[in-house]
Amino acid sequence: FDCLKDQIESNLKKRRPSKQFAPFSRASIKYTLSRTYVILIGILSESQLGMSLFKKFNMFPFLFPLTTRELSEHRMKADRVVGPNDYLLRFLATNLDYTFGGEFPLLFSQWIAKGSFYLRKSLITHLELLYRAQMPKFDEWSITVLTVLLKSEQRLALTALKVLEK
């Protein structure tokens, strides 16, 4: 988890990671087996043991405010098309298990509300996939997220509406 945190911080500050090897850099994720680490994080999110690891390494408090930190601390625009950590957040969001409960649906809601255009569009598409997979408890949190997005973001309203229609 430390390498992931270091890479996210480095991306925000537009500098090289402090660790000697950066397994979560854009190139490593694309060309090496580093993407397997993110898949394993998703598998960990399916169990109580994995949730305890997330809490032990303070991943929720670190990941939750990421999209708002892009706006406040790093002076990025609210209507930004792409964010510096979109490739990691999108990959994390599509691998996490939202049926186990806990804080993952809140994390997803935060990212879809405050993320870049590209990140939000990817997350809406992932919601459609979760719906088609008949994810348990999908209606409880996804409809609220999508209706808020319908009211606030005109560019993504059509994509959100398509998911709601199904």
N, C-alpha and C. Protein backbone atom coordinates (compact mmCIF):
# COMPACT_ATOMS: atom_id res chain seq x y z
N PHE A 1 0.81 -1.20 0.00
CA PHE A 1 0.00 0.00 0.00
C PHE A 1 0.85 1.26 0.00
N ASP A 2 2.05 1.17 0.57
CA ASP A 2 2.93 2.34 0.62
C ASP A 2 3.35 2.80 -0.77
N CYS A 3 3.65 1.84 -1.65
CA CYS A 3 4.04 2.21 -3.02
C CYS A 3 2.88 2.88 -3.76
N LEU A 4 1.68 2.40 -3.53
CA LEU A 4 0.50 2.99 -4.16
C LEU A 4 0.30 4.42 -3.67
N LYS A 5 0.39 4.61 -2.36
CA LYS A 5 0.25 5.95 -1.79
C LYS A 5 1.33 6.89 -2.32
N ASP A 6 2.56 6.40 -2.39
CA ASP A 6 3.67 7.21 -2.88
C ASP A 6 3.45 7.63 -4.33
N GLN A 7 2.97 6.71 -5.15
CA GLN A 7 2.74 7.03 -6.56
C GLN A 7 1.62 8.06 -6.71
N ILE A 8 0.56 7.91 -5.95
CA ILE A 8 -0.55 8.87 -6.03
C ILE A 8 -0.09 10.26 -5.61
N GLU A 9 0.65 10.33 -4.52
CA GLU A 9 1.17 11.63 -4.07
C GLU A 9 2.12 12.23 -5.11
N SER A 10 2.96 11.42 -5.69
CA SER A 10 3.90 11.89 -6.71
C SER A 10 3.16 12.41 -7.94
N ASN A 11 2.12 11.72 -8.35
CA ASN A 11 1.33 12.18 -9.49
C ASN A 11 0.69 13.53 -9.20
N LEU A 12 0.19 13.70 -7.99
CA LEU A 12 -0.44 14.97 -7.63
C LEU A 12 0.56 16.12 -7.64
N LYS A 13 1.77 15.84 -7.17
CA LYS A 13 2.80 16.88 -7.08
C LYS A 13 3.65 16.99 -8.34
N LYS A 14 3.35 16.15 -9.34
CA LYS A 14 4.06 16.14 -10.61
C LYS A 14 5.57 15.96 -10.43
N ARG A 15 5.90 14.94 -9.66
CA ARG A 15 7.31 14.62 -9.43
C ARG A 15 7.50 13.11 -9.48
N ARG A 16 8.75 12.69 -9.47
CA ARG A 16 9.05 11.26 -9.47
C ARG A 16 8.75 10.66 -8.09
N PRO A 17 8.34 9.41 -8.03
CA PRO A 17 8.10 8.75 -6.72
C PRO A 17 9.38 8.67 -5.90
N SER A 18 9.23 8.67 -4.60
CA SER A 18 10.40 8.59 -3.72
C SER A 18 10.95 7.17 -3.60
N LYS A 19 10.14 6.19 -3.92
CA LYS A 19 10.60 4.79 -3.87
C LYS A 19 11.50 4.51 -5.08
N GLN A 20 12.44 3.61 -4.91
CA GLN A 20 13.38 3.30 -5.99
C GLN A 20 12.65 2.69 -7.19
N PHE A 21 11.75 1.78 -6.92
CA PHE A 21 10.97 1.16 -7.99
C PHE A 21 9.53 1.64 -7.87
N ALA A 22 8.95 2.06 -8.96
CA ALA A 22 7.59 2.60 -8.95
C ALA A 22 6.64 1.64 -9.67
N PRO A 23 6.13 0.62 -8.97
CA PRO A 23 5.28 -0.37 -9.63
C PRO A 23 3.92 0.18 -10.09
N PHE A 24 3.51 1.35 -9.58
CA PHE A 24 2.21 1.89 -9.95
C PHE A 24 2.31 3.09 -10.88
N SER A 25 3.46 3.26 -11.51
CA SER A 25 3.57 4.33 -12.49
C SER A 25 2.73 3.95 -13.71
N ARG A 26 2.44 4.92 -14.52
CA ARG A 26 1.63 4.67 -15.72
C ARG A 26 2.28 3.60 -16.59
N ALA A 27 3.58 3.68 -16.80
CA ALA A 27 4.29 2.71 -17.64
C ALA A 27 4.30 1.32 -17.01
N SER A 28 4.54 1.24 -15.71
CA SER A 28 4.57 -0.08 -15.05
C SER A 28 3.22 -0.76 -15.09
N ILE A 29 2.18 0.01 -14.87
CA ILE A 29 0.82 -0.55 -14.93
C ILE A 29 0.52 -1.07 -16.34
N LYS A 30 1.01 -0.35 -17.32
CA LYS A 30 0.71 -0.71 -18.72
C LYS A 30 1.55 -1.87 -19.23
N TYR A 31 2.85 -1.91 -18.87
CA TYR A 31 3.74 -2.85 -19.51
C TYR A 31 4.26 -3.98 -18.62
N THR A 32 3.99 -3.96 -17.35
CA THR A 32 4.48 -5.02 -16.47
C THR A 32 3.32 -5.71 -15.77
N LEU A 33 3.63 -6.62 -14.90
CA LEU A 33 2.60 -7.33 -14.14
C LEU A 33 2.12 -6.55 -12.92
N SER A 34 2.51 -5.29 -12.81
CA SER A 34 2.09 -4.48 -11.67
C SER A 34 0.58 -4.35 -11.56
N ARG A 35 -0.10 -4.42 -12.68
CA ARG A 35 -1.55 -4.33 -12.63
C ARG A 35 -2.16 -5.46 -11.81
N THR A 36 -1.42 -6.56 -11.66
CA THR A 36 -1.89 -7.67 -10.85
C THR A 36 -2.02 -7.25 -9.38
N TYR A 37 -1.18 -6.32 -8.93
CA TYR A 37 -1.29 -5.82 -7.55
C TYR A 37 -2.65 -5.18 -7.32
N VAL A 38 -3.11 -4.42 -8.28
CA VAL A 38 -4.41 -3.75 -8.14
C VAL A 38 -5.53 -4.78 -8.15
N ILE A 39 -5.40 -5.79 -8.98
CA ILE A 39 -6.39 -6.87 -9.00
C ILE A 39 -6.42 -7.58 -7.65
N LEU A 40 -5.25 -7.80 -7.07
CA LEU A 40 -5.19 -8.43 -5.75
C LEU A 40 -5.80 -7.54 -4.67
N ILE A 41 -5.63 -6.24 -4.79
CA ILE A 41 -6.30 -5.32 -3.86
C ILE A 41 -7.81 -5.48 -3.98
N GLY A 42 -8.29 -5.65 -5.21
CA GLY A 42 -9.72 -5.89 -5.42
C GLY A 42 -10.18 -7.19 -4.78
N ILE A 43 -9.37 -8.21 -4.87
CA ILE A 43 -9.71 -9.50 -4.24
C ILE A 43 -9.72 -9.35 -2.72
N LEU A 44 -8.77 -8.60 -2.19
CA LEU A 44 -8.75 -8.36 -0.74
C LEU A 44 -10.02 -7.63 -0.28
N SER A 45 -10.58 -6.80 -1.15
CA SER A 45 -11.77 -6.04 -0.76
C SER A 45 -13.01 -6.92 -0.58
N GLU A 46 -12.89 -8.19 -0.94
CA GLU A 46 -14.02 -9.11 -0.81
C GLU A 46 -14.12 -9.76 0.56
N SER A 47 -13.15 -9.54 1.43
CA SER A 47 -13.13 -10.25 2.70
C SER A 47 -12.94 -9.32 3.89
N GLN A 48 -13.25 -9.84 5.05
CA GLN A 48 -13.05 -9.09 6.28
C GLN A 48 -11.57 -8.85 6.54
N LEU A 49 -10.74 -9.81 6.20
CA LEU A 49 -9.30 -9.65 6.35
C LEU A 49 -8.79 -8.50 5.48
N GLY A 50 -9.27 -8.45 4.26
CA GLY A 50 -8.88 -7.37 3.36
C GLY A 50 -9.32 -6.01 3.88
N MET A 51 -10.52 -5.96 4.43
CA MET A 51 -11.03 -4.70 4.99
C MET A 51 -10.16 -4.27 6.17
N SER A 52 -9.73 -5.23 6.97
CA SER A 52 -8.87 -4.87 8.11
C SER A 52 -7.51 -4.36 7.62
N LEU A 53 -7.01 -4.90 6.52
CA LEU A 53 -5.76 -4.38 5.94
C LEU A 53 -5.94 -2.95 5.43
N PHE A 54 -7.07 -2.69 4.79
CA PHE A 54 -7.36 -1.34 4.32
C PHE A 54 -7.37 -0.36 5.49
N LYS A 55 -7.96 -0.79 6.58
CA LYS A 55 -8.01 0.08 7.76
C LYS A 55 -6.64 0.22 8.43
N LYS A 56 -5.89 -0.87 8.47
CA LYS A 56 -4.57 -0.85 9.10
C LYS A 56 -3.64 0.14 8.38
N PHE A 57 -3.71 0.18 7.07
CA PHE A 57 -2.84 1.06 6.29
C PHE A 57 -3.50 2.41 5.97
N ASN A 58 -4.63 2.68 6.61
CA ASN A 58 -5.34 3.97 6.44
C ASN A 58 -5.63 4.30 4.98
N MET A 59 -6.08 3.30 4.24
CA MET A 59 -6.34 3.53 2.82
C MET A 59 -7.60 4.36 2.59
N PHE A 60 -8.64 4.14 3.39
CA PHE A 60 -9.87 4.92 3.19
C PHE A 60 -9.65 6.41 3.43
N PRO A 61 -9.03 6.79 4.56
CA PRO A 61 -8.78 8.22 4.77
C PRO A 61 -7.84 8.81 3.71
N PHE A 62 -6.99 7.99 3.12
CA PHE A 62 -6.09 8.48 2.07
C PHE A 62 -6.81 8.62 0.73
N LEU A 63 -7.60 7.61 0.35
CA LEU A 63 -8.24 7.59 -0.97
C LEU A 63 -9.48 8.48 -1.05
N PHE A 64 -10.20 8.60 0.04
CA PHE A 64 -11.49 9.32 -0.01
C PHE A 64 -11.35 10.77 -0.47
N PRO A 65 -10.44 11.56 0.08
CA PRO A 65 -10.38 12.97 -0.33
C PRO A 65 -9.52 13.24 -1.57
N LEU A 66 -9.07 12.21 -2.26
CA LEU A 66 -8.14 12.43 -3.37
C LEU A 66 -8.68 13.39 -4.43
N THR A 67 -9.90 13.19 -4.87
CA THR A 67 -10.42 14.03 -5.95
C THR A 67 -10.65 15.47 -5.48
N THR A 68 -11.00 15.67 -4.22
CA THR A 68 -11.15 17.04 -3.73
C THR A 68 -9.79 17.68 -3.49
N ARG A 69 -8.78 16.89 -3.15
CA ARG A 69 -7.43 17.43 -2.99
C ARG A 69 -6.88 17.93 -4.32
N GLU A 70 -7.26 17.27 -5.42
CA GLU A 70 -6.83 17.74 -6.74
C GLU A 70 -7.30 19.17 -6.95
N LEU A 71 -8.50 19.46 -6.47
CA LEU A 71 -9.08 20.79 -6.65
C LEU A 71 -8.50 21.81 -5.68
N SER A 72 -8.43 21.44 -4.42
CA SER A 72 -8.04 22.42 -3.40
C SER A 72 -6.53 22.62 -3.30
N GLU A 73 -5.79 21.56 -3.08
CA GLU A 73 -4.36 21.69 -2.84
C GLU A 73 -3.55 21.91 -4.11
N HIS A 74 -4.01 21.37 -5.21
CA HIS A 74 -3.21 21.41 -6.43
C HIS A 74 -3.82 22.30 -7.51
N ARG A 75 -4.84 23.03 -7.15
CA ARG A 75 -5.46 24.08 -7.97
C ARG A 75 -5.85 23.60 -9.37
N MET A 76 -6.41 22.42 -9.44
CA MET A 76 -6.92 21.94 -10.72
C MET A 76 -8.35 22.42 -10.87
N LYS A 77 -8.79 22.54 -12.09
CA LYS A 77 -10.14 23.04 -12.35
C LYS A 77 -11.17 21.96 -12.07
N ALA A 78 -12.35 22.39 -11.65
CA ALA A 78 -13.43 21.43 -11.36
C ALA A 78 -13.90 20.74 -12.64
N ASP A 79 -13.78 21.41 -13.78
CA ASP A 79 -14.23 20.81 -15.04
C ASP A 79 -13.07 20.16 -15.82
N ARG A 80 -12.04 19.72 -15.09
CA ARG A 80 -10.88 19.11 -15.74
C ARG A 80 -11.31 17.84 -16.49
N VAL A 81 -10.68 17.60 -17.60
CA VAL A 81 -11.03 16.43 -18.42
C VAL A 81 -10.35 15.18 -17.86
N VAL A 82 -9.10 15.31 -17.48
CA VAL A 82 -8.37 14.16 -16.96
C VAL A 82 -7.55 14.61 -15.74
N GLY A 83 -7.48 13.74 -14.75
CA GLY A 83 -6.71 14.02 -13.54
C GLY A 83 -5.42 13.22 -13.53
N PRO A 84 -4.47 13.59 -12.69
CA PRO A 84 -3.18 12.91 -12.68
C PRO A 84 -3.23 11.46 -12.21
N ASN A 85 -4.24 11.11 -11.44
CA ASN A 85 -4.34 9.74 -10.91
C ASN A 85 -5.49 8.96 -11.52
N ASP A 86 -6.07 9.45 -12.59
CA ASP A 86 -7.22 8.77 -13.17
C ASP A 86 -6.95 7.32 -13.54
N TYR A 87 -5.78 7.05 -14.08
CA TYR A 87 -5.48 5.67 -14.49
C TYR A 87 -5.50 4.73 -13.28
N LEU A 88 -5.01 5.19 -12.13
CA LEU A 88 -5.01 4.35 -10.92
C LEU A 88 -6.39 4.28 -10.28
N LEU A 89 -7.07 5.41 -10.17
CA LEU A 89 -8.38 5.42 -9.53
C LEU A 89 -9.39 4.61 -10.33
N ARG A 90 -9.32 4.72 -11.64
CA ARG A 90 -10.24 3.95 -12.49
C ARG A 90 -9.96 2.46 -12.34
N PHE A 91 -8.71 2.11 -12.32
CA PHE A 91 -8.33 0.71 -12.19
C PHE A 91 -8.71 0.16 -10.81
N LEU A 92 -8.51 0.96 -9.78
CA LEU A 92 -8.92 0.55 -8.43
C LEU A 92 -10.43 0.40 -8.34
N ALA A 93 -11.15 1.41 -8.83
CA ALA A 93 -12.61 1.41 -8.73
C ALA A 93 -13.25 0.24 -9.46
N THR A 94 -12.67 -0.17 -10.56
CA THR A 94 -13.26 -1.28 -11.31
C THR A 94 -12.87 -2.64 -10.76
N ASN A 95 -11.98 -2.67 -9.78
CA ASN A 95 -11.59 -3.95 -9.18
C ASN A 95 -12.10 -4.15 -7.76
N LEU A 96 -12.60 -3.10 -7.13
CA LEU A 96 -13.09 -3.23 -5.76
C LEU A 96 -14.44 -3.95 -5.73
N ASP A 97 -14.72 -4.59 -4.61
CA ASP A 97 -15.98 -5.29 -4.41
C ASP A 97 -16.93 -4.39 -3.62
N TYR A 98 -18.04 -4.03 -4.24
CA TYR A 98 -19.00 -3.12 -3.60
C TYR A 98 -20.12 -3.86 -2.89
N THR A 99 -20.13 -5.18 -2.95
CA THR A 99 -21.19 -5.95 -2.30
C THR A 99 -20.89 -6.23 -0.84
N PHE A 100 -19.64 -6.18 -0.47
CA PHE A 100 -19.24 -6.53 0.89
C PHE A 100 -19.68 -5.47 1.90
N GLY A 101 -19.96 -4.29 1.41
CA GLY A 101 -20.36 -3.22 2.31
C GLY A 101 -19.16 -2.39 2.71
N GLY A 102 -19.29 -1.74 3.80
CA GLY A 102 -18.17 -0.92 4.25
C GLY A 102 -18.12 0.42 3.54
N GLU A 103 -16.93 0.85 3.26
CA GLU A 103 -16.73 2.21 2.77
C GLU A 103 -16.52 2.31 1.27
N PHE A 104 -16.50 1.19 0.56
CA PHE A 104 -16.26 1.25 -0.88
C PHE A 104 -17.36 1.99 -1.65
N PRO A 105 -18.65 1.78 -1.36
CA PRO A 105 -19.65 2.58 -2.06
C PRO A 105 -19.49 4.09 -1.81
N LEU A 106 -19.10 4.47 -0.60
CA LEU A 106 -18.86 5.88 -0.32
C LEU A 106 -17.67 6.41 -1.11
N LEU A 107 -16.65 5.61 -1.21
CA LEU A 107 -15.47 5.98 -1.98
C LEU A 107 -15.84 6.18 -3.45
N PHE A 108 -16.60 5.23 -3.98
CA PHE A 108 -17.06 5.31 -5.37
C PHE A 108 -17.89 6.57 -5.58
N SER A 109 -18.80 6.85 -4.65
CA SER A 109 -19.66 8.04 -4.75
C SER A 109 -18.84 9.32 -4.74
N GLN A 110 -17.83 9.37 -3.90
CA GLN A 110 -16.97 10.56 -3.83
C GLN A 110 -16.21 10.75 -5.13
N TRP A 111 -15.66 9.70 -5.67
CA TRP A 111 -14.90 9.80 -6.91
C TRP A 111 -15.78 10.18 -8.09
N ILE A 112 -17.00 9.66 -8.11
CA ILE A 112 -17.88 9.98 -9.24
C ILE A 112 -18.45 11.40 -9.12
N ALA A 113 -18.50 11.92 -7.90
CA ALA A 113 -19.01 13.28 -7.71
C ALA A 113 -17.94 14.33 -7.96
N LYS A 114 -16.70 14.08 -7.57
CA LYS A 114 -15.66 15.10 -7.62
C LYS A 114 -14.52 14.79 -8.59
N GLY A 115 -14.57 13.67 -9.27
CA GLY A 115 -13.46 13.30 -10.16
C GLY A 115 -13.47 14.07 -11.46
N SER A 116 -12.47 13.81 -12.27
CA SER A 116 -12.38 14.45 -13.58
C SER A 116 -13.47 13.87 -14.49
N PHE A 117 -13.66 14.51 -15.63
CA PHE A 117 -14.67 14.05 -16.59
C PHE A 117 -14.40 12.61 -17.00
N TYR A 118 -13.15 12.30 -17.33
CA TYR A 118 -12.78 10.97 -17.77
C TYR A 118 -13.04 9.92 -16.68
N LEU A 119 -12.69 10.24 -15.45
CA LEU A 119 -12.90 9.31 -14.34
C LEU A 119 -14.39 9.08 -14.12
N ARG A 120 -15.17 10.14 -14.11
CA ARG A 120 -16.62 9.99 -13.89
C ARG A 120 -17.28 9.19 -14.99
N LYS A 121 -16.89 9.43 -16.23
CA LYS A 121 -17.46 8.67 -17.35
C LYS A 121 -17.12 7.19 -17.22
N SER A 122 -15.89 6.89 -16.84
CA SER A 122 -15.48 5.49 -16.64
C SER A 122 -16.27 4.83 -15.51
N LEU A 123 -16.50 5.58 -14.44
CA LEU A 123 -17.24 5.02 -13.30
C LEU A 123 -18.71 4.81 -13.62
N ILE A 124 -19.29 5.69 -14.42
CA ILE A 124 -20.68 5.49 -14.84
C ILE A 124 -20.78 4.22 -15.68
N THR A 125 -19.85 4.03 -16.58
CA THR A 125 -19.83 2.81 -17.40
C THR A 125 -19.66 1.58 -16.52
N HIS A 126 -18.86 1.69 -15.48
CA HIS A 126 -18.68 0.56 -14.55
C HIS A 126 -19.99 0.29 -13.78
N LEU A 127 -20.73 1.33 -13.45
CA LEU A 127 -22.04 1.12 -12.80
C LEU A 127 -22.97 0.32 -13.70
N GLU A 128 -22.92 0.61 -14.98
CA GLU A 128 -23.74 -0.15 -15.93
C GLU A 128 -23.32 -1.62 -15.94
N LEU A 129 -22.04 -1.86 -15.89
CA LEU A 129 -21.54 -3.24 -15.83
C LEU A 129 -22.00 -3.94 -14.56
N LEU A 130 -21.93 -3.23 -13.43
CA LEU A 130 -22.39 -3.82 -12.16
C LEU A 130 -23.88 -4.13 -12.21
N TYR A 131 -24.65 -3.28 -12.86
CA TYR A 131 -26.08 -3.52 -13.00
C TYR A 131 -26.33 -4.78 -13.85
N ARG A 132 -25.62 -4.87 -14.96
CA ARG A 132 -25.80 -6.04 -15.84
C ARG A 132 -25.37 -7.34 -15.15
N ALA A 133 -24.41 -7.24 -14.25
CA ALA A 133 -23.94 -8.41 -13.50
C ALA A 133 -24.88 -8.73 -12.33
N GLN A 134 -25.92 -7.95 -12.17
CA GLN A 134 -26.92 -8.11 -11.11
C GLN A 134 -26.28 -8.12 -9.73
N MET A 135 -25.48 -7.09 -9.50
CA MET A 135 -24.81 -6.95 -8.21
C MET A 135 -25.85 -6.78 -7.10
N PRO A 136 -25.71 -7.52 -6.02
CA PRO A 136 -26.63 -7.36 -4.89
C PRO A 136 -26.54 -5.94 -4.31
N LYS A 137 -27.66 -5.41 -3.89
CA LYS A 137 -27.76 -4.08 -3.27
C LYS A 137 -27.37 -2.94 -4.21
N PHE A 138 -27.38 -3.21 -5.51
CA PHE A 138 -26.99 -2.20 -6.49
C PHE A 138 -27.90 -0.98 -6.42
N ASP A 139 -29.20 -1.21 -6.32
CA ASP A 139 -30.16 -0.11 -6.33
C ASP A 139 -30.01 0.82 -5.14
N GLU A 140 -29.56 0.29 -4.02
CA GLU A 140 -29.49 1.09 -2.80
C GLU A 140 -28.60 2.31 -2.92
N TRP A 141 -27.50 2.21 -3.59
CA TRP A 141 -26.59 3.34 -3.65
C TRP A 141 -26.37 3.90 -5.05
N SER A 142 -26.55 3.09 -6.07
CA SER A 142 -26.23 3.56 -7.42
C SER A 142 -27.23 4.56 -7.96
N ILE A 143 -28.50 4.38 -7.68
CA ILE A 143 -29.50 5.30 -8.20
C ILE A 143 -29.31 6.69 -7.61
N THR A 144 -29.00 6.77 -6.34
CA THR A 144 -28.74 8.06 -5.71
C THR A 144 -27.54 8.75 -6.36
N VAL A 145 -26.49 8.00 -6.58
CA VAL A 145 -25.29 8.56 -7.21
C VAL A 145 -25.61 9.08 -8.60
N LEU A 146 -26.33 8.30 -9.37
CA LEU A 146 -26.63 8.69 -10.75
C LEU A 146 -27.58 9.88 -10.83
N THR A 147 -28.57 9.95 -9.94
CA THR A 147 -29.49 11.09 -9.98
C THR A 147 -28.80 12.39 -9.58
N VAL A 148 -27.89 12.34 -8.64
CA VAL A 148 -27.12 13.53 -8.28
C VAL A 148 -26.28 13.97 -9.47
N LEU A 149 -25.70 13.01 -10.16
CA LEU A 149 -24.88 13.31 -11.33
C LEU A 149 -25.73 13.90 -12.46
N LEU A 150 -26.97 13.41 -12.59
CA LEU A 150 -27.87 13.94 -13.62
C LEU A 150 -28.14 15.43 -13.40
N LYS A 151 -28.28 15.82 -12.15
CA LYS A 151 -28.60 17.22 -11.83
C LYS A 151 -27.39 18.14 -11.95
N SER A 152 -26.20 17.59 -11.71
CA SER A 152 -25.04 18.47 -11.62
C SER A 152 -24.16 18.51 -12.86
N GLU A 153 -24.13 17.49 -13.65
CA GLU A 153 -23.18 17.42 -14.77
C GLU A 153 -23.90 17.16 -16.08
N GLN A 154 -24.03 18.19 -16.88
CA GLN A 154 -24.75 18.07 -18.15
C GLN A 154 -24.03 17.17 -19.15
N ARG A 155 -22.69 17.23 -19.16
CA ARG A 155 -21.94 16.45 -20.14
C ARG A 155 -22.09 14.95 -19.92
N LEU A 156 -22.34 14.53 -18.68
CA LEU A 156 -22.45 13.11 -18.36
C LEU A 156 -23.89 12.66 -18.16
N ALA A 157 -24.83 13.58 -18.27
CA ALA A 157 -26.23 13.27 -17.99
C ALA A 157 -26.77 12.17 -18.90
N LEU A 158 -26.43 12.20 -20.17
CA LEU A 158 -26.95 11.19 -21.11
C LEU A 158 -26.43 9.79 -20.76
N THR A 159 -25.16 9.70 -20.42
CA THR A 159 -24.59 8.40 -20.04
C THR A 159 -25.24 7.89 -18.76
N ALA A 160 -25.44 8.77 -17.78
CA ALA A 160 -26.09 8.38 -16.52
C ALA A 160 -27.53 7.97 -16.77
N LEU A 161 -28.20 8.69 -17.64
CA LEU A 161 -29.61 8.39 -17.94
C LEU A 161 -29.75 7.03 -18.60
N LYS A 162 -28.82 6.66 -19.45
CA LYS A 162 -28.85 5.34 -20.08
C LYS A 162 -28.75 4.22 -19.04
N VAL A 163 -27.92 4.42 -18.03
CA VAL A 163 -27.79 3.41 -16.97
C VAL A 163 -29.07 3.35 -16.16
N LEU A 164 -29.66 4.50 -15.85
CA LEU A 164 -30.89 4.54 -15.06
C LEU A 164 -32.06 3.90 -15.81
N GLU A 165 -32.11 4.05 -17.12
CA GLU A 165 -33.19 3.47 -17.91
C GLU A 165 -33.21 1.95 -17.85
N LYS A 166 -32.05 1.37 -17.75
CA LYS A 166 -31.96 -0.10 -17.74
C LYS A 166 -32.41 -0.61 -16.40
